[in-house]
Each structure stands twice: as structure tokens, then as C-alpha cells.
Amino acid sequence: MDKSFNNTDLEDYKESGVLKGKVALVTGGSSGIGRAVSIAYAKEGAKVVIGHLDDEDSANETIQVIEKYGGEARALNGDLSTSKNCDRLVQFALDEFGQLDVVVNNAGFQYPQESPLDISDEQLLKTFQIKVFAMFYITRAALPHLKKGSRIINTASVNAYQGHSDLIDYAGANGAIVSLTRSLARRLVDQEIAVNGIAPGPIWTPLITKTFEDINPNVAEDFGEDVPAGRPGQPYELAKAFVFLADPQNSYMTGQFLHVNGGGYMSS
């Protein structure tokens, strides 16, 4: 089974131009899911701003792919666990492209522990800062600049719904994302700003090897084999879901999560 990070430049992606004239901000956009989303949005006509943390090479590679397809993109490095840097990223997007229409909160962090007793105060805080606080900070900074028809899309995880014995703090943070997304959707529906999310299952990204390789040398063989599809998903397989939620014609869907997980979790 091929578990390389394949097809992340979406050369086979069939665009329809649904985001022409839009500006999208994608946090965690330099690699993995964020990279696939950034490229798909660019192919759909959006100008893209990528937020990343100390990943200049990958961010530049993503921009090069976008430019290869005739798109425009910018990138900014910064630790989004602070509201100052989140404000800075939103302002950077406005300075570069003059507007903001789609916000994708996708930055992630996870660190497995076999026991809750091993989760330090520092790890717990960092997990929630990057997954939840940054999502709120970015949204708060963006809201004054969003208009009718704008979209906010939050990346959670299947673990918010089914839990994970080794990622307790991470699963808890993703549960908070689900509630935050639904609450924002209720508040912003009168402004016709839709707030939705994606809850990916096992997706083969650089974060997985960074997270699990030290504790499981066989992660490349084991990861994703317990879902009905029998394999992990690739980042490009989520791209259309993010485009669907960003589509301005998708006007009656808010407060919802799309489950892209190879059948690993069947929501009721």
C-alpha cells in the first residue's frame, strides 16, 4: 500500500471556478491537509494566504505549485497560540489582497501519551492554544472584515466523536472545536456567514510521522488500516469537501461537520 504523501499538488483536480474573486486564509497551510486546501482554493480562483510555523520551505513549495497553476498566494510565519500573531496574520491577508472571504482554521498539534497522568500542564495548554484558542483568535480578528456570504471552516477530527486513548487532550480540544463551530454558526447566521467544519479520519500527513514515528516505528504500515476503507486518506481527498463548504452557493448549510474518514465513524 502506497502511503507516501502523494498527489498533494492536485494535478488531476477538476476546478470549476467557484472561488473566483475570493481571498482565503488557511492556517497550517504549508503541508498536509492545509496544503491541499490551499492549492484547491487557488485552482478554484481564490487568492490564498498561508499561515505556518517555521516551515518556510514547505510554504514556498506550496506557493510555487499555486503559481504554476496561475494562482496567487502569500505566506506568513508565526506562532498562532498568541492573539497578537493571529491578529497579525489576518492583517497580513488584508494588506496583501485587500479583502477576506474564506477563513480555514486548520493549524494542528498533537502529542500521544499512554496515560492521562503523563499529560503535563504545558502539553495540555499547548494543545488547546493551537487547536482552540488560535481558532477563536483568528475568527475574532477576521469577523470585522467578513461580509455576507463569507465562510469560516474549522478542521476538527474524528477523535472529537469517537475519542482516542492516546490523544486525550487532543480529542478534548477537537470536541471543543465542534461546540465552538456550532455556537459561532448560531451567532453568525443572521449575518449570512456560514460556519462549518471537517472532521477528518486517518489522513496520511507529515504530522502523523512527526507524532507517532518515535513510539511506533511501523506507523507507515499500521496507520489507517483499522477503518473500513483499509487505508489512510490522502490530503487531496479532502480538498473537494473544503471547496464545497467555501462555495458561496452553499448558502443553507451552517453549524455542520463533514466526516471524511474512510467509514471509520458513521455519524447519526
Protein backbone atom coordinates (compact mmCIF):
# COMPACT_ATOMS: atom_id res chain seq x y z
CA MET A 1 0.00 0.00 0.00
CA ASP A 2 1.43 3.37 -1.01
CA LYS A 3 1.46 5.73 1.95
CA SER A 4 3.68 8.43 0.55
CA PHE A 5 2.35 11.98 0.68
CA ASN A 6 1.14 11.68 -2.90
CA ASN A 7 -0.72 13.95 -5.27
CA THR A 8 -0.56 16.93 -2.91
CA ASP A 9 -0.20 19.31 -5.86
CA LEU A 10 -3.64 18.16 -7.13
CA GLU A 11 -2.59 17.89 -10.76
CA ASP A 12 -5.77 15.90 -11.50
CA TYR A 13 -8.12 18.26 -9.66
CA LYS A 14 -11.00 19.43 -11.87
CA GLU A 15 -11.77 23.03 -10.96
CA SER A 16 -14.98 24.93 -11.72
CA GLY A 17 -14.00 28.47 -10.66
CA VAL A 18 -16.40 28.71 -7.72
CA LEU A 19 -13.98 30.84 -5.68
CA LYS A 20 -13.02 33.31 -8.37
CA GLY A 21 -12.54 36.76 -6.85
CA LYS A 22 -12.32 35.42 -3.30
CA VAL A 23 -9.47 35.63 -0.78
CA ALA A 24 -8.90 32.68 1.53
CA LEU A 25 -6.79 32.42 4.67
CA VAL A 26 -5.59 28.90 5.52
CA THR A 27 -3.75 28.26 8.78
CA GLY A 28 -1.45 25.27 8.80
CA GLY A 29 -1.42 25.72 5.05
CA SER A 30 2.16 24.77 4.20
CA SER A 31 1.78 20.97 4.24
CA GLY A 32 -0.67 18.10 4.60
CA ILE A 33 -4.37 18.96 4.58
CA GLY A 34 -3.72 22.70 4.62
CA ARG A 35 -1.51 22.50 1.57
CA ALA A 36 -4.12 20.51 -0.38
CA VAL A 37 -6.81 23.02 0.59
CA SER A 38 -4.63 26.00 -0.37
CA ILE A 39 -3.90 24.55 -3.81
CA ALA A 40 -7.52 23.54 -4.42
CA TYR A 41 -8.73 27.01 -3.48
CA ALA A 42 -6.17 28.60 -5.79
CA LYS A 43 -7.26 26.34 -8.64
CA GLU A 44 -10.84 27.42 -7.94
CA GLY A 45 -9.81 31.05 -8.43
CA ALA A 46 -9.11 32.29 -4.90
CA LYS A 47 -6.07 34.21 -3.78
CA VAL A 48 -4.60 32.39 -0.80
CA VAL A 49 -2.78 33.44 2.35
CA ILE A 50 -0.97 30.63 4.14
CA GLY A 51 -0.23 30.72 7.86
CA HIS A 52 2.53 28.40 9.02
CA LEU A 53 5.02 27.84 11.84
CA ASP A 54 8.72 27.62 10.95
CA ASP A 55 8.04 25.77 7.71
CA GLU A 56 9.34 28.24 5.14
CA ASP A 57 10.50 25.62 2.64
CA SER A 58 7.14 23.83 2.53
CA ALA A 59 5.27 27.13 2.39
CA ASN A 60 7.38 28.25 -0.56
CA GLU A 61 6.85 24.92 -2.30
CA THR A 62 3.10 25.32 -1.89
CA ILE A 63 3.23 28.84 -3.31
CA GLN A 64 5.27 27.58 -6.26
CA VAL A 65 2.64 24.96 -7.04
CA ILE A 66 -0.11 27.57 -6.81
CA GLU A 67 1.80 29.89 -9.12
CA LYS A 68 2.33 27.00 -11.54
CA TYR A 69 -1.43 26.90 -11.92
CA GLY A 70 -1.62 30.66 -12.41
CA GLY A 71 -2.76 31.48 -8.89
CA GLU A 72 -1.55 33.94 -6.29
CA ALA A 73 -0.50 33.15 -2.74
CA ARG A 74 1.42 34.65 0.17
CA ALA A 75 2.70 33.07 3.36
CA LEU A 76 3.45 34.34 6.85
CA ASN A 77 5.31 32.57 9.63
CA GLY A 78 4.00 32.88 13.17
CA ASP A 79 3.01 31.06 16.34
CA LEU A 80 -0.78 31.24 16.41
CA SER A 81 -1.03 30.36 20.10
CA THR A 82 -0.93 34.12 20.77
CA SER A 83 -3.70 36.50 19.80
CA LYS A 84 -1.09 39.03 18.65
CA ASN A 85 0.17 36.72 15.92
CA CYS A 86 -3.37 35.77 14.88
CA ASP A 87 -4.24 39.45 14.53
CA ARG A 88 -1.03 39.92 12.56
CA LEU A 89 -1.88 37.09 10.13
CA VAL A 90 -5.36 38.44 9.42
CA GLN A 91 -3.97 41.94 8.87
CA PHE A 92 -1.31 40.48 6.56
CA ALA A 93 -4.05 38.93 4.42
CA LEU A 94 -5.88 42.24 4.23
CA ASP A 95 -2.71 44.16 3.41
CA GLU A 96 -1.76 41.72 0.65
CA PHE A 97 -5.13 41.26 -1.06
CA GLY A 98 -7.48 43.89 0.36
CA GLN A 99 -10.28 41.58 1.49
CA LEU A 100 -11.06 38.32 3.24
CA ASP A 101 -13.84 35.92 2.28
CA VAL A 102 -12.93 32.43 3.48
CA VAL A 103 -11.20 31.53 6.75
CA VAL A 104 -9.92 27.99 7.21
CA ASN A 105 -8.74 27.27 10.75
CA ASN A 106 -6.57 24.24 10.19
CA ALA A 107 -3.47 24.61 12.40
CA GLY A 108 -2.83 21.46 14.43
CA PHE A 109 -0.77 19.89 17.19
CA GLN A 110 -0.91 16.50 18.88
CA TYR A 111 1.34 14.50 21.17
CA PRO A 112 0.38 10.99 22.31
CA GLN A 113 0.56 9.86 25.93
CA GLU A 114 -0.32 6.40 27.19
CA SER A 115 -1.82 7.75 30.42
CA PRO A 116 -3.61 10.97 31.36
CA LEU A 117 -1.11 11.15 34.22
CA ASP A 118 1.60 11.81 31.64
CA ILE A 119 -0.13 14.86 30.15
CA SER A 120 1.65 17.85 31.62
CA ASP A 121 0.10 21.26 32.22
CA GLU A 122 2.33 22.58 29.44
CA GLN A 123 1.18 19.98 26.91
CA LEU A 124 -2.49 20.46 27.78
CA LEU A 125 -2.21 24.22 27.40
CA LYS A 126 -0.27 23.98 24.13
CA THR A 127 -2.79 21.59 22.61
CA PHE A 128 -5.72 23.87 23.41
CA GLN A 129 -3.80 27.01 22.46
CA ILE A 130 -3.04 25.76 18.96
CA LYS A 131 -6.27 23.88 18.30
CA VAL A 132 -8.89 26.02 20.05
CA PHE A 133 -7.52 29.40 21.17
CA ALA A 134 -5.94 30.12 17.77
CA MET A 135 -9.20 29.21 16.06
CA PHE A 136 -11.05 31.73 18.20
CA TYR A 137 -8.34 34.41 17.85
CA ILE A 138 -8.26 34.12 14.05
CA THR A 139 -12.05 34.18 13.82
CA ARG A 140 -12.30 37.18 16.15
CA ALA A 141 -9.73 39.10 14.13
CA ALA A 142 -11.37 38.21 10.81
CA LEU A 143 -15.00 38.88 11.70
CA PRO A 144 -14.98 42.68 11.28
CA HIS A 145 -13.78 42.15 7.71
CA LEU A 146 -16.12 39.34 6.66
CA LYS A 147 -19.21 40.08 4.61
CA LYS A 148 -22.48 38.41 3.74
CA GLY A 149 -21.62 35.13 2.06
CA SER A 150 -18.26 34.70 3.79
CA ARG A 151 -17.29 31.29 5.09
CA ILE A 152 -15.50 30.02 8.20
CA ILE A 153 -14.32 26.40 8.07
CA ASN A 154 -12.79 24.66 11.08
CA THR A 155 -10.74 21.47 10.95
CA ALA A 156 -11.52 19.13 13.84
CA SER A 157 -11.00 15.35 13.92
CA VAL A 158 -12.86 12.08 14.04
CA ASN A 159 -11.40 11.85 17.55
CA ALA A 160 -13.85 14.53 18.70
CA TYR A 161 -16.63 11.98 18.10
CA GLN A 162 -15.09 8.63 18.97
CA GLY A 163 -12.23 9.63 21.31
CA HIS A 164 -8.66 8.38 21.32
CA SER A 165 -6.99 6.58 24.21
CA ASP A 166 -3.53 8.02 23.48
CA LEU A 167 -4.61 11.52 22.39
CA ILE A 168 -6.91 12.51 25.25
CA ASP A 169 -6.08 16.22 25.30
CA TYR A 170 -6.16 16.39 21.50
CA ALA A 171 -9.56 14.66 21.33
CA GLY A 172 -10.86 17.02 24.01
CA ALA A 173 -9.65 20.07 22.10
CA ASN A 174 -11.36 18.83 18.96
CA GLY A 175 -14.57 18.34 20.92
CA ALA A 176 -14.31 21.99 21.89
CA ILE A 177 -13.90 22.87 18.21
CA VAL A 178 -17.17 21.14 17.39
CA SER A 179 -19.04 23.14 20.05
CA LEU A 180 -17.28 26.37 19.10
CA THR A 181 -18.21 25.87 15.45
CA ARG A 182 -21.88 25.23 16.23
CA SER A 183 -22.07 28.23 18.58
CA LEU A 184 -20.45 30.57 16.06
CA ALA A 185 -22.81 29.28 13.38
CA ARG A 186 -25.81 30.21 15.52
CA ARG A 187 -24.46 33.66 16.25
CA LEU A 188 -23.45 34.50 12.67
CA VAL A 189 -26.34 33.02 10.73
CA ASP A 190 -28.20 36.35 10.75
CA GLN A 191 -25.18 37.90 9.03
CA GLU A 192 -25.32 35.12 6.42
CA ILE A 193 -21.82 33.97 7.36
CA ALA A 194 -21.73 30.17 7.36
CA VAL A 195 -19.56 28.34 9.89
CA ASN A 196 -18.92 24.66 9.26
CA GLY A 197 -16.17 22.11 9.75
CA ILE A 198 -14.42 18.99 8.56
CA ALA A 199 -13.70 16.08 10.88
CA PRO A 200 -11.05 14.01 9.06
CA GLY A 201 -10.31 10.43 9.92
CA PRO A 202 -6.82 8.95 9.48
CA ILE A 203 -5.17 11.19 6.89
CA TRP A 204 -1.55 10.48 5.96
CA THR A 205 0.25 13.77 6.55
CA PRO A 206 3.69 14.83 7.81
CA LEU A 207 2.08 15.45 11.23
CA ILE A 208 1.44 11.70 11.59
CA THR A 209 5.07 10.69 11.14
CA LYS A 210 6.18 13.57 13.37
CA THR A 211 3.73 12.46 16.05
CA PHE A 212 3.95 8.68 16.04
CA GLU A 213 7.19 7.54 14.39
CA ASP A 214 9.21 7.58 17.63
CA ILE A 215 6.72 5.44 19.53
CA ASN A 216 5.65 3.24 16.62
CA PRO A 217 8.33 2.53 14.01
CA ASN A 218 5.67 0.67 11.99
CA VAL A 219 3.30 3.64 11.76
CA ALA A 220 3.68 3.71 7.96
CA GLU A 221 2.32 0.16 7.79
CA ASP A 222 -0.27 0.38 10.57
CA PHE A 223 -1.82 3.81 10.19
CA GLY A 224 -5.39 3.81 8.89
CA GLU A 225 -5.73 0.05 8.47
CA ASP A 226 -8.47 -0.20 11.12
CA VAL A 227 -11.09 1.75 9.13
CA PRO A 228 -13.43 0.02 6.65
CA ALA A 229 -11.53 1.53 3.70
CA GLY A 230 -8.44 -0.33 4.97
CA ARG A 231 -6.10 2.60 4.36
CA PRO A 232 -5.45 6.18 5.39
CA GLY A 233 -6.80 9.01 3.32
CA GLN A 234 -4.56 11.37 1.39
CA PRO A 235 -4.79 15.15 1.88
CA TYR A 236 -6.06 15.70 -1.66
CA GLU A 237 -9.07 13.51 -0.86
CA LEU A 238 -10.36 16.21 1.49
CA ALA A 239 -9.94 19.09 -0.96
CA LYS A 240 -13.41 18.93 -2.51
CA ALA A 241 -15.05 18.90 0.93
CA PHE A 242 -13.31 22.16 1.84
CA VAL A 243 -14.26 23.66 -1.53
CA PHE A 244 -17.88 22.64 -1.00
CA LEU A 245 -18.01 24.43 2.35
CA ALA A 246 -16.34 27.52 0.88
CA ASP A 247 -18.64 27.70 -2.16
CA PRO A 248 -20.77 30.89 -1.95
CA GLN A 249 -23.67 28.96 -3.48
CA ASN A 250 -23.69 26.62 -0.48
CA SER A 251 -25.88 29.07 1.43
CA TYR A 252 -28.14 26.90 3.61
CA MET A 253 -25.56 24.80 5.45
CA THR A 254 -24.12 26.03 8.72
CA GLY A 255 -23.12 24.50 12.05
CA GLN A 256 -22.35 21.17 10.37
CA PHE A 257 -19.36 18.84 10.14
CA LEU A 258 -18.44 16.71 7.15
CA HIS A 259 -16.94 13.33 8.07
CA VAL A 260 -14.21 12.27 5.66
CA ASN A 261 -12.83 9.16 7.27
CA GLY A 262 -12.98 6.04 5.10
CA GLY A 263 -16.02 4.81 7.03
CA GLY A 264 -14.21 4.94 10.35
CA TYR A 265 -17.02 6.83 12.03
CA MET A 266 -20.62 6.74 10.87
CA SER A 267 -22.46 9.76 12.32
CA SER A 268 -26.18 9.53 13.02
